[in-house]
Amino acid sequence: MLTCSILTRGAEGPAADVHDRMPVILPQQAHSTWLDPEQTDAGKVLGIAREVAVTQVEFYAVNQRVNNAKNQGAELVEPLQAHPT
């Protein structure tokens, strides 16, 4: 069975300006250890999530249609342009 989970943590860096939680984002070099089916040391993988997780993220406003799973398309995540006042 193919499954997935999204792990979250307290927000750090720029993400903390928008929300109090953020996804755990692992850098490429941590993927093999994290996904190793032989890895049974929960402390080791939790350490990876705490110590090497990416916290410097970029964010920008996107189309509000992104909030409905029925809407599809790359244009939903294109950065919105600020309108001159």
PDB file of N, CA and C in Angstrom:
ATOM      1  N   MET A   1       0.836  -1.161   0.000  1.00  0.00           N
ATOM      2  CA  MET A   1       0.000   0.000   0.000  1.00  0.00           C
ATOM      3  C   MET A   1       0.894   1.241   0.000  1.00  0.00           C
ATOM      4  N   LEU A   2       0.632   2.146  -0.907  1.00  0.00           N
ATOM      5  CA  LEU A   2       1.372   3.396  -0.994  1.00  0.00           C
ATOM      6  C   LEU A   2       0.672   4.433  -0.118  1.00  0.00           C
ATOM      7  N   THR A   3       1.415   4.997   0.834  1.00  0.00           N
ATOM      8  CA  THR A   3       0.840   5.997   1.734  1.00  0.00           C
ATOM      9  C   THR A   3       1.813   7.156   1.902  1.00  0.00           C
ATOM     10  N   CYS A   4       1.355   8.210   2.523  1.00  0.00           N
ATOM     11  CA  CYS A   4       2.236   9.324   2.858  1.00  0.00           C
ATOM     12  C   CYS A   4       1.707  10.030   4.093  1.00  0.00           C
ATOM     13  N   SER A   5       2.558  10.816   4.697  1.00  0.00           N
ATOM     14  CA  SER A   5       2.191  11.637   5.850  1.00  0.00           C
ATOM     15  C   SER A   5       2.867  12.980   5.707  1.00  0.00           C
ATOM     16  N   ILE A   6       2.268  13.995   6.274  1.00  0.00           N
ATOM     17  CA  ILE A   6       2.900  15.304   6.345  1.00  0.00           C
ATOM     18  C   ILE A   6       3.188  15.565   7.817  1.00  0.00           C
ATOM     19  N   LEU A   7       4.457  15.726   8.129  1.00  0.00           N
ATOM     20  CA  LEU A   7       4.859  16.030   9.496  1.00  0.00           C
ATOM     21  C   LEU A   7       4.996  17.537   9.641  1.00  0.00           C
ATOM     22  N   THR A   8       4.537  18.056  10.758  1.00  0.00           N
ATOM     23  CA  THR A   8       4.669  19.491  10.998  1.00  0.00           C
ATOM     24  C   THR A   8       5.481  19.730  12.260  1.00  0.00           C
ATOM     25  N   ARG A   9       5.958  20.952  12.369  1.00  0.00           N
ATOM     26  CA  ARG A   9       6.735  21.378  13.530  1.00  0.00           C
ATOM     27  C   ARG A   9       6.380  22.827  13.820  1.00  0.00           C
ATOM     28  N   GLY A  10       6.851  23.348  14.925  1.00  0.00           N
ATOM     29  CA  GLY A  10       6.666  24.764  15.210  1.00  0.00           C
ATOM     30  C   GLY A  10       7.370  25.574  14.128  1.00  0.00           C
ATOM     31  N   ALA A  11       6.724  26.627  13.681  1.00  0.00           N
ATOM     32  CA  ALA A  11       7.294  27.435  12.605  1.00  0.00           C
ATOM     33  C   ALA A  11       8.531  28.175  13.088  1.00  0.00           C
ATOM     34  N   GLU A  12       9.517  28.255  12.186  1.00  0.00           N
ATOM     35  CA  GLU A  12      10.750  29.011  12.420  1.00  0.00           C
ATOM     36  C   GLU A  12      11.034  29.825  11.172  1.00  0.00           C
ATOM     37  N   GLY A  13      11.924  30.777  11.301  1.00  0.00           N
ATOM     38  CA  GLY A  13      12.313  31.578  10.153  1.00  0.00           C
ATOM     39  C   GLY A  13      11.126  32.342   9.593  1.00  0.00           C
ATOM     40  N   PRO A  14      11.152  32.611   8.288  1.00  0.00           N
ATOM     41  CA  PRO A  14      10.090  33.410   7.659  1.00  0.00           C
ATOM     42  C   PRO A  14       8.696  32.806   7.814  1.00  0.00           C
ATOM     43  N   ALA A  15       8.580  31.482   7.905  1.00  0.00           N
ATOM     44  CA  ALA A  15       7.256  30.855   8.028  1.00  0.00           C
ATOM     45  C   ALA A  15       6.538  31.289   9.297  1.00  0.00           C
ATOM     46  N   ALA A  16       7.288  31.631  10.329  1.00  0.00           N
ATOM     47  CA  ALA A  16       6.682  32.057  11.588  1.00  0.00           C
ATOM     48  C   ALA A  16       5.925  33.375  11.438  1.00  0.00           C
ATOM     49  N   ASP A  17       6.217  34.125  10.370  1.00  0.00           N
ATOM     50  CA  ASP A  17       5.480  35.373  10.119  1.00  0.00           C
ATOM     51  C   ASP A  17       4.065  35.108   9.631  1.00  0.00           C
ATOM     52  N   VAL A  18       3.792  33.875   9.155  1.00  0.00           N
ATOM     53  CA  VAL A  18       2.488  33.577   8.579  1.00  0.00           C
ATOM     54  C   VAL A  18       1.680  32.578   9.392  1.00  0.00           C
ATOM     55  N   HIS A  19       2.360  31.695  10.116  1.00  0.00           N
ATOM     56  CA  HIS A  19       1.643  30.625  10.820  1.00  0.00           C
ATOM     57  C   HIS A  19       2.498  30.118  11.968  1.00  0.00           C
ATOM     58  N   ASP A  20       1.866  29.433  12.916  1.00  0.00           N
ATOM     59  CA  ASP A  20       2.638  28.901  14.042  1.00  0.00           C
ATOM     60  C   ASP A  20       3.176  27.490  13.780  1.00  0.00           C
ATOM     61  N   ARG A  21       2.749  26.856  12.664  1.00  0.00           N
ATOM     62  CA  ARG A  21       3.235  25.519  12.297  1.00  0.00           C
ATOM     63  C   ARG A  21       3.791  25.573  10.885  1.00  0.00           C
ATOM     64  N   MET A  22       4.667  24.628  10.568  1.00  0.00           N
ATOM     65  CA  MET A  22       5.201  24.509   9.211  1.00  0.00           C
ATOM     66  C   MET A  22       5.513  23.040   8.959  1.00  0.00           C
ATOM     67  N   PRO A  23       5.564  22.616   7.694  1.00  0.00           N
ATOM     68  CA  PRO A  23       5.926  21.222   7.414  1.00  0.00           C
ATOM     69  C   PRO A  23       7.393  20.981   7.725  1.00  0.00           C
ATOM     70  N   VAL A  24       7.715  19.740   8.066  1.00  0.00           N
ATOM     71  CA  VAL A  24       9.114  19.336   8.191  1.00  0.00           C
ATOM     72  C   VAL A  24       9.627  19.156   6.765  1.00  0.00           C
ATOM     73  N   ILE A  25      10.617  19.949   6.379  1.00  0.00           N
ATOM     74  CA  ILE A  25      11.188  19.894   5.035  1.00  0.00           C
ATOM     75  C   ILE A  25      12.625  19.412   5.174  1.00  0.00           C
ATOM     76  N   LEU A  26      12.910  18.246   4.628  1.00  0.00           N
ATOM     77  CA  LEU A  26      14.256  17.688   4.749  1.00  0.00           C
ATOM     78  C   LEU A  26      15.096  18.017   3.526  1.00  0.00           C
ATOM     79  N   PRO A  27      16.361  18.365   3.738  1.00  0.00           N
ATOM     80  CA  PRO A  27      17.248  18.606   2.597  1.00  0.00           C
ATOM     81  C   PRO A  27      17.569  17.279   1.901  1.00  0.00           C
ATOM     82  N   GLN A  28      17.952  17.362   0.649  1.00  0.00           N
ATOM     83  CA  GLN A  28      18.233  16.182  -0.172  1.00  0.00           C
ATOM     84  C   GLN A  28      19.172  15.189   0.519  1.00  0.00           C
ATOM     85  N   GLN A  29      20.209  15.687   1.190  1.00  0.00           N
ATOM     86  CA  GLN A  29      21.198  14.787   1.787  1.00  0.00           C
ATOM     87  C   GLN A  29      20.623  13.965   2.949  1.00  0.00           C
ATOM     88  N   ALA A  30      19.451  14.316   3.467  1.00  0.00           N
ATOM     89  CA  ALA A  30      18.835  13.558   4.559  1.00  0.00           C
ATOM     90  C   ALA A  30      17.840  12.511   4.076  1.00  0.00           C
ATOM     91  N   HIS A  31      17.482  12.547   2.801  1.00  0.00           N
ATOM     92  CA  HIS A  31      16.434  11.653   2.289  1.00  0.00           C
ATOM     93  C   HIS A  31      16.757  10.177   2.465  1.00  0.00           C
ATOM     94  N   SER A  32      17.967   9.755   2.124  1.00  0.00           N
ATOM     95  CA  SER A  32      18.273   8.319   2.184  1.00  0.00           C
ATOM     96  C   SER A  32      18.198   7.782   3.612  1.00  0.00           C
ATOM     97  N   THR A  33      18.674   8.522   4.583  1.00  0.00           N
ATOM     98  CA  THR A  33      18.590   8.078   5.974  1.00  0.00           C
ATOM     99  C   THR A  33      17.144   8.059   6.441  1.00  0.00           C
ATOM    100  N   TRP A  34      16.401   9.099   6.100  1.00  0.00           N
ATOM    101  CA  TRP A  34      15.006   9.198   6.515  1.00  0.00           C
ATOM    102  C   TRP A  34      14.171   8.056   5.932  1.00  0.00           C
ATOM    103  N   LEU A  35      14.420   7.698   4.680  1.00  0.00           N
ATOM    104  CA  LEU A  35      13.615   6.692   3.994  1.00  0.00           C
ATOM    105  C   LEU A  35      14.152   5.269   4.092  1.00  0.00           C
ATOM    106  N   ASP A  36      15.272   5.074   4.761  1.00  0.00           N
ATOM    107  CA  ASP A  36      15.895   3.758   4.874  1.00  0.00           C
ATOM    108  C   ASP A  36      14.980   2.799   5.636  1.00  0.00           C
ATOM    109  N   PRO A  37      14.483   1.735   4.970  1.00  0.00           N
ATOM    110  CA  PRO A  37      13.570   0.804   5.652  1.00  0.00           C
ATOM    111  C   PRO A  37      14.257   0.016   6.770  1.00  0.00           C
ATOM    112  N   GLU A  38      15.581  -0.005   6.778  1.00  0.00           N
ATOM    113  CA  GLU A  38      16.327  -0.701   7.836  1.00  0.00           C
ATOM    114  C   GLU A  38      16.503   0.179   9.077  1.00  0.00           C
ATOM    115  N   GLN A  39      16.200   1.470   8.953  1.00  0.00           N
ATOM    116  CA  GLN A  39      16.368   2.404  10.065  1.00  0.00           C
ATOM    117  C   GLN A  39      15.270   2.176  11.096  1.00  0.00           C
ATOM    118  N   THR A  40      15.647   1.761  12.277  1.00  0.00           N
ATOM    119  CA  THR A  40      14.670   1.494  13.334  1.00  0.00           C
ATOM    120  C   THR A  40      14.876   2.389  14.551  1.00  0.00           C
ATOM    121  N   ASP A  41      15.849   3.264  14.489  1.00  0.00           N
ATOM    122  CA  ASP A  41      16.147   4.153  15.609  1.00  0.00           C
ATOM    123  C   ASP A  41      15.315   5.430  15.487  1.00  0.00           C
ATOM    124  N   ALA A  42      14.194   5.456  16.205  1.00  0.00           N
ATOM    125  CA  ALA A  42      13.290   6.610  16.133  1.00  0.00           C
ATOM    126  C   ALA A  42      13.992   7.891  16.565  1.00  0.00           C
ATOM    127  N   GLY A  43      14.876   7.794  17.530  1.00  0.00           N
ATOM    128  CA  GLY A  43      15.610   8.968  17.994  1.00  0.00           C
ATOM    129  C   GLY A  43      16.471   9.566  16.898  1.00  0.00           C
ATOM    130  N   LYS A  44      17.055   8.704  16.067  1.00  0.00           N
ATOM    131  CA  LYS A  44      17.900   9.199  14.979  1.00  0.00           C
ATOM    132  C   LYS A  44      17.081   9.971  13.945  1.00  0.00           C
ATOM    133  N   VAL A  45      15.944   9.420  13.550  1.00  0.00           N
ATOM    134  CA  VAL A  45      15.149  10.123  12.545  1.00  0.00           C
ATOM    135  C   VAL A  45      14.497  11.382  13.113  1.00  0.00           C
ATOM    136  N   LEU A  46      14.123  11.353  14.381  1.00  0.00           N
ATOM    137  CA  LEU A  46      13.606  12.573  14.994  1.00  0.00           C
ATOM    138  C   LEU A  46      14.699  13.629  15.088  1.00  0.00           C
ATOM    139  N   GLY A  47      15.925  13.199  15.341  1.00  0.00           N
ATOM    140  CA  GLY A  47      17.054  14.119  15.359  1.00  0.00           C
ATOM    141  C   GLY A  47      17.256  14.771  14.008  1.00  0.00           C
ATOM    142  N   ILE A  48      17.092  13.983  12.942  1.00  0.00           N
ATOM    143  CA  ILE A  48      17.198  14.540  11.583  1.00  0.00           C
ATOM    144  C   ILE A  48      16.145  15.622  11.399  1.00  0.00           C
ATOM    145  N   ALA A  49      14.913  15.323  11.803  1.00  0.00           N
ATOM    146  CA  ALA A  49      13.824  16.286  11.642  1.00  0.00           C
ATOM    147  C   ALA A  49      14.082  17.566  12.431  1.00  0.00           C
ATOM    148  N   ARG A  50      14.712  17.442  13.570  1.00  0.00           N
ATOM    149  CA  ARG A  50      14.974  18.625  14.403  1.00  0.00           C
ATOM    150  C   ARG A  50      16.206  19.395  13.964  1.00  0.00           C
ATOM    151  N   GLU A  51      17.247  18.683  13.561  1.00  0.00           N
ATOM    152  CA  GLU A  51      18.555  19.318  13.354  1.00  0.00           C
ATOM    153  C   GLU A  51      18.830  19.788  11.936  1.00  0.00           C
ATOM    154  N   VAL A  52      18.322  19.085  10.940  1.00  0.00           N
ATOM    155  CA  VAL A  52      18.679  19.462   9.565  1.00  0.00           C
ATOM    156  C   VAL A  52      17.489  19.951   8.737  1.00  0.00           C
ATOM    157  N   ALA A  53      16.309  19.974   9.333  1.00  0.00           N
ATOM    158  CA  ALA A  53      15.135  20.434   8.582  1.00  0.00           C
ATOM    159  C   ALA A  53      15.331  21.869   8.111  1.00  0.00           C
ATOM    160  N   VAL A  54      14.852  22.130   6.921  1.00  0.00           N
ATOM    161  CA  VAL A  54      14.938  23.455   6.317  1.00  0.00           C
ATOM    162  C   VAL A  54      13.947  24.386   7.024  1.00  0.00           C
ATOM    163  N   THR A  55      14.411  25.549   7.430  1.00  0.00           N
ATOM    164  CA  THR A  55      13.520  26.527   8.055  1.00  0.00           C
ATOM    165  C   THR A  55      13.487  27.844   7.280  1.00  0.00           C
ATOM    166  N   GLN A  56      14.420  28.027   6.366  1.00  0.00           N
ATOM    167  CA  GLN A  56      14.436  29.256   5.564  1.00  0.00           C
ATOM    168  C   GLN A  56      13.638  29.007   4.291  1.00  0.00           C
ATOM    169  N   VAL A  57      12.401  29.426   4.305  1.00  0.00           N
ATOM    170  CA  VAL A  57      11.490  29.208   3.183  1.00  0.00           C
ATOM    171  C   VAL A  57      11.053  30.549   2.604  1.00  0.00           C
ATOM    172  N   GLU A  58      10.585  30.508   1.384  1.00  0.00           N
ATOM    173  CA  GLU A  58      10.064  31.695   0.720  1.00  0.00           C
ATOM    174  C   GLU A  58       8.552  31.557   0.641  1.00  0.00           C
ATOM    175  N   PHE A  59       7.838  32.632   0.856  1.00  0.00           N
ATOM    176  CA  PHE A  59       6.393  32.580   0.708  1.00  0.00           C
ATOM    177  C   PHE A  59       5.904  33.836   0.009  1.00  0.00           C
ATOM    178  N   TYR A  60       4.757  33.706  -0.622  1.00  0.00           N
ATOM    179  CA  TYR A  60       4.156  34.819  -1.344  1.00  0.00           C
ATOM    180  C   TYR A  60       2.671  34.544  -1.510  1.00  0.00           C
ATOM    181  N   ALA A  61       1.916  35.586  -1.723  1.00  0.00           N
ATOM    182  CA  ALA A  61       0.467  35.459  -1.910  1.00  0.00           C
ATOM    183  C   ALA A  61       0.170  34.738  -3.226  1.00  0.00           C
ATOM    184  N   VAL A  62      -0.831  33.850  -3.192  1.00  0.00           N
ATOM    185  CA  VAL A  62      -1.276  33.131  -4.391  1.00  0.00           C
ATOM    186  C   VAL A  62      -2.789  33.284  -4.523  1.00  0.00           C
ATOM    187  N   ASN A  63      -3.311  32.814  -5.633  1.00  0.00           N
ATOM    188  CA  ASN A  63      -4.738  32.888  -5.923  1.00  0.00           C
ATOM    189  C   ASN A  63      -5.534  32.180  -4.821  1.00  0.00           C
ATOM    190  N   GLN A  64      -6.611  32.789  -4.354  1.00  0.00           N
ATOM    191  CA  GLN A  64      -7.436  32.193  -3.298  1.00  0.00           C
ATOM    192  C   GLN A  64      -8.096  30.892  -3.741  1.00  0.00           C
ATOM    193  N   ARG A  65      -8.154  30.648  -5.037  1.00  0.00           N
ATOM    194  CA  ARG A  65      -8.740  29.399  -5.542  1.00  0.00           C
ATOM    195  C   ARG A  65      -7.929  28.183  -5.105  1.00  0.00           C
ATOM    196  N   VAL A  66      -6.691  28.379  -4.647  1.00  0.00           N
ATOM    197  CA  VAL A  66      -5.850  27.270  -4.185  1.00  0.00           C
ATOM    198  C   VAL A  66      -6.471  26.581  -2.959  1.00  0.00           C
ATOM    199  N   ASN A  67      -7.377  27.257  -2.267  1.00  0.00           N
ATOM    200  CA  ASN A  67      -7.989  26.708  -1.057  1.00  0.00           C
ATOM    201  C   ASN A  67      -9.077  25.676  -1.320  1.00  0.00           C
ATOM    202  N   ASN A  68      -9.389  25.397  -2.564  1.00  0.00           N
ATOM    203  CA  ASN A  68     -10.412  24.412  -2.903  1.00  0.00           C
ATOM    204  C   ASN A  68      -9.753  23.307  -3.718  1.00  0.00           C
ATOM    205  N   ALA A  69      -9.776  22.081  -3.207  1.00  0.00           N
ATOM    206  CA  ALA A  69      -9.112  20.951  -3.869  1.00  0.00           C
ATOM    207  C   ALA A  69      -9.693  20.658  -5.258  1.00  0.00           C
ATOM    208  N   LYS A  70     -10.885  21.147  -5.557  1.00  0.00           N
ATOM    209  CA  LYS A  70     -11.480  20.933  -6.880  1.00  0.00           C
ATOM    210  C   LYS A  70     -10.766  21.760  -7.953  1.00  0.00           C
ATOM    211  N   ASN A  71     -10.129  22.845  -7.540  1.00  0.00           N
ATOM    212  CA  ASN A  71      -9.426  23.708  -8.494  1.00  0.00           C
ATOM    213  C   ASN A  71      -8.052  23.136  -8.793  1.00  0.00           C
ATOM    214  N   GLN A  72      -7.669  23.150 -10.049  1.00  0.00           N
ATOM    215  CA  GLN A  72      -6.399  22.595 -10.493  1.00  0.00           C
ATOM    216  C   GLN A  72      -5.680  23.599 -11.384  1.00  0.00           C
ATOM    217  N   GLY A  73      -4.377  23.467 -11.492  1.00  0.00           N
ATOM    218  CA  GLY A  73      -3.630  24.284 -12.434  1.00  0.00           C
ATOM    219  C   GLY A  73      -2.472  25.015 -11.792  1.00  0.00           C
ATOM    220  N   ALA A  74      -1.399  25.126 -12.557  1.00  0.00           N
ATOM    221  CA  ALA A  74      -0.193  25.793 -12.079  1.00  0.00           C
ATOM    222  C   ALA A  74      -0.435  27.263 -11.768  1.00  0.00           C
ATOM    223  N   GLU A  75      -1.413  27.870 -12.437  1.00  0.00           N
ATOM    224  CA  GLU A  75      -1.682  29.297 -12.210  1.00  0.00           C
ATOM    225  C   GLU A  75      -2.141  29.586 -10.779  1.00  0.00           C
ATOM    226  N   LEU A  76      -2.618  28.543 -10.073  1.00  0.00           N
ATOM    227  CA  LEU A  76      -3.072  28.745  -8.700  1.00  0.00           C
ATOM    228  C   LEU A  76      -1.935  29.106  -7.754  1.00  0.00           C
ATOM    229  N   VAL A  77      -0.731  28.692  -8.079  1.00  0.00           N
ATOM    230  CA  VAL A  77       0.407  28.973  -7.198  1.00  0.00           C
ATOM    231  C   VAL A  77       1.381  30.001  -7.776  1.00  0.00           C
ATOM    232  N   GLU A  78       0.974  30.638  -8.854  1.00  0.00           N
ATOM    233  CA  GLU A  78       1.777  31.737  -9.391  1.00  0.00           C
ATOM    234  C   GLU A  78       1.698  32.902  -8.405  1.00  0.00           C
ATOM    235  N   PRO A  79       2.810  33.574  -8.145  1.00  0.00           N
ATOM    236  CA  PRO A  79       2.758  34.730  -7.240  1.00  0.00           C
ATOM    237  C   PRO A  79       1.811  35.806  -7.768  1.00  0.00           C
ATOM    238  N   LEU A  80       0.987  36.328  -6.865  1.00  0.00           N
ATOM    239  CA  LEU A  80       0.094  37.428  -7.234  1.00  0.00           C
ATOM    240  C   LEU A  80       0.909  38.709  -7.325  1.00  0.00           C
ATOM    241  N   GLN A  81       0.568  39.521  -8.278  1.00  0.00           N
ATOM    242  CA  GLN A  81       1.217  40.825  -8.416  1.00  0.00           C
ATOM    243  C   GLN A  81       0.446  41.842  -7.592  1.00  0.00           C
ATOM    244  N   ALA A  82       1.153  42.673  -6.881  1.00  0.00           N
ATOM    245  CA  ALA A  82       0.492  43.733  -6.120  1.00  0.00           C
ATOM    246  C   ALA A  82      -0.119  44.740  -7.084  1.00  0.00           C
ATOM    247  N   HIS A  83      -1.324  45.142  -6.808  1.00  0.00           N
ATOM    248  CA  HIS A  83      -2.012  46.135  -7.648  1.00  0.00           C
ATOM    249  C   HIS A  83      -1.654  47.520  -7.142  1.00  0.00           C
ATOM    250  N   PRO A  84      -1.285  48.440  -8.044  1.00  0.00           N
ATOM    251  CA  PRO A  84      -0.995  49.806  -7.589  1.00  0.00           C
ATOM    252  C   PRO A  84      -2.247  50.453  -7.017  1.00  0.00           C
ATOM    253  N   THR A  85      -2.065  51.257  -6.001  1.00  0.00           N
ATOM    254  CA  THR A  85      -3.221  51.918  -5.379  1.00  0.00           C
ATOM    255  C   THR A  85      -3.415  53.295  -5.961  1.00  0.00           C
TER     256      THR A  85
END
